[in-house]
C-alpha cells in the first residue's frame, strides 16, 4: 500500500476516494523507563527508551491506519498526518494518531 503525505500519487490516477481513516495508539511509559530516561536527561544525550516507545507507537498507528484503508478497499492513503499527545494525570501516556484519506488508484 502506498502511504504518502502528499495529496496525490505521482504517475497514478486516483479514481475513488474511500474516506478518512485513522490509526490510534495510546502507550503507557512505565516507571523503569521513566527512571532511566530521567538519568539520561541529567547526564545528557538521547533517551533511547523513549525513542523506541515513540517509534513503536508510530509504526503501530500507521499500520492500523493502513489496515482500515485496506478494509475499505483502498490501495493507498494520501495526505497522511501524524500527531502526538501526552496524556494522563502524570503525563505518563503517549497518544499517537495517524490519519489520511484512503483512496483507490490506477496506473
N, C-alpha and C. Protein backbone atom coordinates (compact mmCIF):
# COMPACT_ATOMS: atom_id res chain seq x y z
N UNK A 1 0.85 -1.18 0.00
CA UNK A 1 0.00 0.00 0.00
C UNK A 1 0.90 1.24 0.00
N UNK A 2 0.57 2.17 -0.90
CA UNK A 2 1.30 3.44 -0.91
C UNK A 2 0.75 4.34 0.19
N UNK A 3 1.64 4.91 0.97
CA UNK A 3 1.27 5.85 2.03
C UNK A 3 2.12 7.09 1.83
N UNK A 4 1.46 8.25 1.69
CA UNK A 4 2.20 9.47 1.41
C UNK A 4 1.57 10.68 2.10
N UNK A 5 2.39 11.67 2.37
CA UNK A 5 1.90 12.91 2.97
C UNK A 5 1.35 13.86 1.91
N UNK A 6 1.59 13.56 0.65
CA UNK A 6 1.11 14.42 -0.43
C UNK A 6 -0.35 14.10 -0.77
N UNK A 7 -1.07 15.04 -1.40
CA UNK A 7 -2.48 14.79 -1.71
C UNK A 7 -2.69 13.94 -2.96
N UNK A 8 -1.62 13.63 -3.68
CA UNK A 8 -1.75 12.79 -4.86
C UNK A 8 -0.55 11.85 -4.94
N UNK A 9 -0.59 10.95 -5.92
CA UNK A 9 0.49 9.98 -6.10
C UNK A 9 1.02 10.19 -7.51
N UNK A 10 2.28 10.58 -7.59
CA UNK A 10 2.88 10.87 -8.89
C UNK A 10 2.79 9.66 -9.81
N UNK A 11 2.28 9.89 -11.02
CA UNK A 11 2.17 8.83 -12.01
C UNK A 11 0.96 7.94 -11.85
N UNK A 12 0.13 8.20 -10.86
CA UNK A 12 -1.07 7.38 -10.62
C UNK A 12 -2.30 8.28 -10.68
N UNK A 13 -3.42 7.69 -11.07
CA UNK A 13 -4.68 8.44 -11.12
C UNK A 13 -5.60 7.92 -10.02
N UNK A 14 -5.93 8.79 -9.10
CA UNK A 14 -6.88 8.43 -8.04
C UNK A 14 -8.26 8.40 -8.67
N UNK A 15 -8.92 7.23 -8.58
CA UNK A 15 -10.22 7.07 -9.22
C UNK A 15 -11.37 6.97 -8.21
N UNK A 16 -11.02 6.77 -6.94
CA UNK A 16 -12.07 6.67 -5.92
C UNK A 16 -11.53 7.07 -4.56
N UNK A 17 -12.29 7.90 -3.87
CA UNK A 17 -11.97 8.29 -2.50
C UNK A 17 -12.83 7.45 -1.57
N UNK A 18 -12.18 6.74 -0.67
CA UNK A 18 -12.87 5.81 0.22
C UNK A 18 -13.23 6.43 1.57
N UNK A 19 -12.60 7.55 1.92
CA UNK A 19 -12.90 8.22 3.18
C UNK A 19 -11.66 8.40 4.04
N UNK A 20 -11.85 9.13 5.12
CA UNK A 20 -10.75 9.40 6.05
C UNK A 20 -10.58 8.19 6.96
N UNK A 21 -9.32 7.80 7.15
CA UNK A 21 -9.01 6.67 8.03
C UNK A 21 -8.03 7.12 9.12
N UNK A 22 -8.12 6.45 10.26
CA UNK A 22 -7.29 6.78 11.41
C UNK A 22 -6.64 5.53 11.96
N UNK A 23 -5.54 5.74 12.63
CA UNK A 23 -4.91 4.72 13.45
C UNK A 23 -4.50 5.41 14.74
N UNK A 24 -4.95 4.88 15.86
CA UNK A 24 -4.65 5.49 17.15
C UNK A 24 -3.98 4.48 18.06
N UNK A 25 -2.97 4.95 18.76
CA UNK A 25 -2.27 4.12 19.74
C UNK A 25 -2.06 4.95 20.99
N UNK A 26 -2.38 4.38 22.13
CA UNK A 26 -2.07 5.01 23.41
C UNK A 26 -1.14 4.06 24.14
N UNK A 27 0.06 4.54 24.43
CA UNK A 27 1.07 3.71 25.08
C UNK A 27 1.43 4.29 26.43
N UNK A 28 1.54 3.42 27.41
CA UNK A 28 1.98 3.84 28.74
C UNK A 28 3.49 3.70 28.85
N UNK A 29 4.09 4.63 29.54
CA UNK A 29 5.52 4.58 29.79
C UNK A 29 5.69 4.13 31.23
N UNK A 30 6.39 3.02 31.45
CA UNK A 30 6.49 2.52 32.81
C UNK A 30 7.57 3.23 33.62
N UNK A 31 7.54 3.04 34.92
CA UNK A 31 8.41 3.80 35.81
C UNK A 31 9.90 3.48 35.61
N UNK A 32 10.23 2.26 35.18
CA UNK A 32 11.64 1.92 34.96
C UNK A 32 12.19 2.74 33.80
N UNK A 33 11.43 2.83 32.72
CA UNK A 33 11.86 3.63 31.58
C UNK A 33 11.95 5.10 31.99
N UNK A 34 10.97 5.58 32.77
CA UNK A 34 11.00 6.97 33.24
C UNK A 34 12.26 7.22 34.06
N UNK A 35 12.61 6.28 34.93
CA UNK A 35 13.79 6.43 35.78
C UNK A 35 15.06 6.58 34.94
N UNK A 36 15.25 5.65 34.00
CA UNK A 36 16.46 5.70 33.18
C UNK A 36 16.45 6.90 32.23
N UNK A 37 15.28 7.29 31.75
CA UNK A 37 15.20 8.49 30.91
C UNK A 37 15.55 9.73 31.73
N UNK A 38 15.12 9.75 33.00
CA UNK A 38 15.46 10.87 33.87
C UNK A 38 16.96 10.97 34.10
N UNK A 39 17.62 9.83 34.28
CA UNK A 39 19.08 9.84 34.42
C UNK A 39 19.72 10.36 33.14
N UNK A 40 19.23 9.92 32.01
CA UNK A 40 19.77 10.35 30.72
C UNK A 40 19.61 11.87 30.58
N UNK A 41 18.49 12.41 31.05
CA UNK A 41 18.26 13.86 30.96
C UNK A 41 19.28 14.63 31.81
N UNK A 42 19.67 14.05 32.95
CA UNK A 42 20.63 14.71 33.83
C UNK A 42 22.03 14.68 33.23
N UNK A 43 22.46 13.53 32.72
CA UNK A 43 23.82 13.40 32.21
C UNK A 43 23.94 13.79 30.74
N UNK A 44 22.82 14.00 30.09
CA UNK A 44 22.84 14.41 28.68
C UNK A 44 22.70 13.24 27.74
N UNK A 45 22.42 13.55 26.51
CA UNK A 45 22.28 12.52 25.49
C UNK A 45 20.84 12.24 25.15
N UNK A 46 20.65 11.31 24.26
CA UNK A 46 19.32 10.94 23.80
C UNK A 46 18.74 9.85 24.68
N UNK A 47 17.44 9.83 24.79
CA UNK A 47 16.76 8.81 25.58
C UNK A 47 16.29 7.70 24.64
N UNK A 48 17.10 6.66 24.53
CA UNK A 48 16.78 5.55 23.64
C UNK A 48 15.48 4.86 24.04
N UNK A 49 15.18 4.82 25.34
CA UNK A 49 13.95 4.16 25.79
C UNK A 49 12.72 4.88 25.25
N UNK A 50 12.70 6.20 25.36
CA UNK A 50 11.56 6.96 24.84
C UNK A 50 11.52 6.95 23.33
N UNK A 51 12.68 6.99 22.69
CA UNK A 51 12.72 6.95 21.23
C UNK A 51 12.12 5.64 20.72
N UNK A 52 12.43 4.54 21.38
CA UNK A 52 11.89 3.25 20.98
C UNK A 52 10.37 3.21 21.17
N UNK A 53 9.89 3.74 22.29
CA UNK A 53 8.45 3.80 22.54
C UNK A 53 7.75 4.61 21.46
N UNK A 54 8.32 5.75 21.13
CA UNK A 54 7.75 6.63 20.11
C UNK A 54 7.73 5.95 18.74
N UNK A 55 8.84 5.31 18.38
CA UNK A 55 8.93 4.61 17.10
C UNK A 55 7.89 3.50 17.02
N UNK A 56 7.78 2.70 18.08
CA UNK A 56 6.82 1.59 18.09
C UNK A 56 5.38 2.10 18.00
N UNK A 57 5.06 3.14 18.75
CA UNK A 57 3.71 3.69 18.73
C UNK A 57 3.37 4.25 17.34
N UNK A 58 4.31 4.94 16.72
CA UNK A 58 4.09 5.50 15.38
C UNK A 58 3.87 4.38 14.36
N UNK A 59 4.70 3.34 14.41
CA UNK A 59 4.55 2.22 13.47
C UNK A 59 3.21 1.53 13.65
N UNK A 60 2.79 1.34 14.89
CA UNK A 60 1.50 0.69 15.15
C UNK A 60 0.33 1.54 14.66
N UNK A 61 0.40 2.85 14.87
CA UNK A 61 -0.67 3.75 14.40
C UNK A 61 -0.74 3.74 12.87
N UNK A 62 0.42 3.77 12.22
CA UNK A 62 0.44 3.74 10.75
C UNK A 62 -0.13 2.42 10.23
N UNK A 63 0.24 1.31 10.86
CA UNK A 63 -0.27 0.01 10.42
C UNK A 63 -1.78 -0.08 10.60
N UNK A 64 -2.28 0.41 11.73
CA UNK A 64 -3.72 0.40 11.98
C UNK A 64 -4.45 1.23 10.92
N UNK A 65 -3.90 2.39 10.58
CA UNK A 65 -4.50 3.24 9.55
C UNK A 65 -4.54 2.51 8.20
N UNK A 66 -3.44 1.84 7.84
CA UNK A 66 -3.38 1.10 6.58
C UNK A 66 -4.37 -0.07 6.58
N UNK A 67 -4.50 -0.76 7.69
CA UNK A 67 -5.44 -1.87 7.79
C UNK A 67 -6.87 -1.38 7.58
N UNK A 68 -7.21 -0.24 8.16
CA UNK A 68 -8.55 0.31 7.98
C UNK A 68 -8.79 0.75 6.54
N UNK A 69 -7.76 1.28 5.90
CA UNK A 69 -7.87 1.67 4.49
C UNK A 69 -8.10 0.44 3.62
N UNK A 70 -7.33 -0.62 3.87
CA UNK A 70 -7.48 -1.86 3.10
C UNK A 70 -8.87 -2.45 3.28
N UNK A 71 -9.39 -2.37 4.49
CA UNK A 71 -10.75 -2.87 4.76
C UNK A 71 -11.78 -2.15 3.89
N UNK A 72 -11.54 -0.87 3.60
CA UNK A 72 -12.44 -0.08 2.76
C UNK A 72 -12.22 -0.33 1.27
N UNK A 73 -11.21 -1.12 0.93
CA UNK A 73 -10.92 -1.39 -0.47
C UNK A 73 -9.92 -0.43 -1.09
N UNK A 74 -9.20 0.32 -0.28
CA UNK A 74 -8.22 1.27 -0.78
C UNK A 74 -6.90 0.57 -1.06
N UNK A 75 -6.11 1.17 -1.96
CA UNK A 75 -4.76 0.65 -2.19
C UNK A 75 -3.71 1.72 -1.92
N UNK A 76 -4.15 2.85 -1.32
CA UNK A 76 -3.22 3.91 -0.92
C UNK A 76 -3.89 4.80 0.12
N UNK A 77 -3.05 5.52 0.86
CA UNK A 77 -3.54 6.54 1.78
C UNK A 77 -2.74 7.81 1.48
N UNK A 78 -3.45 8.89 1.17
CA UNK A 78 -2.79 10.15 0.84
C UNK A 78 -3.06 11.18 1.94
N UNK A 79 -2.30 12.26 1.89
CA UNK A 79 -2.44 13.37 2.85
C UNK A 79 -2.31 12.90 4.30
N UNK A 80 -1.35 12.03 4.53
CA UNK A 80 -1.16 11.46 5.87
C UNK A 80 -0.58 12.50 6.83
N UNK A 81 -1.12 12.50 8.04
CA UNK A 81 -0.65 13.38 9.11
C UNK A 81 -0.50 12.53 10.36
N UNK A 82 0.56 12.80 11.12
CA UNK A 82 0.79 12.09 12.38
C UNK A 82 0.84 13.12 13.51
N UNK A 83 0.06 12.86 14.54
CA UNK A 83 0.01 13.76 15.70
C UNK A 83 0.41 13.00 16.95
N UNK A 84 1.03 13.73 17.88
CA UNK A 84 1.48 13.17 19.15
C UNK A 84 0.87 13.98 20.27
N UNK A 85 0.45 13.30 21.34
CA UNK A 85 -0.12 13.95 22.52
C UNK A 85 0.35 13.21 23.75
N UNK A 86 0.60 13.93 24.82
CA UNK A 86 0.93 13.34 26.11
C UNK A 86 -0.33 13.43 26.97
N UNK A 87 -0.73 12.31 27.55
CA UNK A 87 -1.97 12.22 28.32
C UNK A 87 -1.71 11.69 29.71
N UNK A 88 -2.73 11.72 30.53
CA UNK A 88 -2.67 11.14 31.87
C UNK A 88 -2.34 12.18 32.92
N UNK A 89 -2.73 11.88 34.14
CA UNK A 89 -2.53 12.82 35.23
C UNK A 89 -1.05 13.08 35.48
N UNK A 90 -0.20 12.10 35.22
CA UNK A 90 1.23 12.27 35.40
C UNK A 90 1.97 12.37 34.08
N UNK A 91 1.25 12.71 33.01
CA UNK A 91 1.84 12.75 31.67
C UNK A 91 2.57 11.45 31.35
N UNK A 92 1.96 10.32 31.75
CA UNK A 92 2.62 9.03 31.59
C UNK A 92 2.05 8.20 30.44
N UNK A 93 1.25 8.82 29.61
CA UNK A 93 0.67 8.13 28.46
C UNK A 93 1.01 8.92 27.20
N UNK A 94 1.34 8.19 26.14
CA UNK A 94 1.65 8.80 24.86
C UNK A 94 0.59 8.35 23.86
N UNK A 95 -0.06 9.32 23.20
CA UNK A 95 -1.04 9.00 22.17
C UNK A 95 -0.47 9.42 20.82
N UNK A 96 -0.48 8.50 19.88
CA UNK A 96 -0.05 8.77 18.52
C UNK A 96 -1.23 8.49 17.60
N UNK A 97 -1.56 9.47 16.77
CA UNK A 97 -2.66 9.32 15.82
C UNK A 97 -2.14 9.54 14.41
N UNK A 98 -2.43 8.59 13.53
CA UNK A 98 -2.10 8.73 12.11
C UNK A 98 -3.43 8.83 11.37
N UNK A 99 -3.55 9.80 10.49
CA UNK A 99 -4.78 9.97 9.72
C UNK A 99 -4.44 10.30 8.28
N UNK A 100 -5.36 9.97 7.40
CA UNK A 100 -5.18 10.26 5.98
C UNK A 100 -6.44 9.89 5.22
N UNK A 101 -6.39 10.09 3.92
CA UNK A 101 -7.53 9.77 3.06
C UNK A 101 -7.24 8.48 2.31
N UNK A 102 -8.11 7.50 2.51
CA UNK A 102 -7.99 6.22 1.81
C UNK A 102 -8.49 6.40 0.39
N UNK A 103 -7.70 5.94 -0.58
CA UNK A 103 -8.06 6.10 -1.98
C UNK A 103 -7.78 4.81 -2.75
N UNK A 104 -8.39 4.73 -3.92
CA UNK A 104 -8.08 3.65 -4.86
C UNK A 104 -7.51 4.32 -6.09
N UNK A 105 -6.33 3.88 -6.52
CA UNK A 105 -5.70 4.47 -7.70
C UNK A 105 -5.49 3.41 -8.78
N UNK A 106 -5.31 3.91 -9.99
CA UNK A 106 -4.94 3.07 -11.13
C UNK A 106 -3.69 3.62 -11.74
N UNK A 107 -2.91 2.74 -12.35
CA UNK A 107 -1.67 3.18 -13.03
C UNK A 107 -1.97 3.99 -14.27
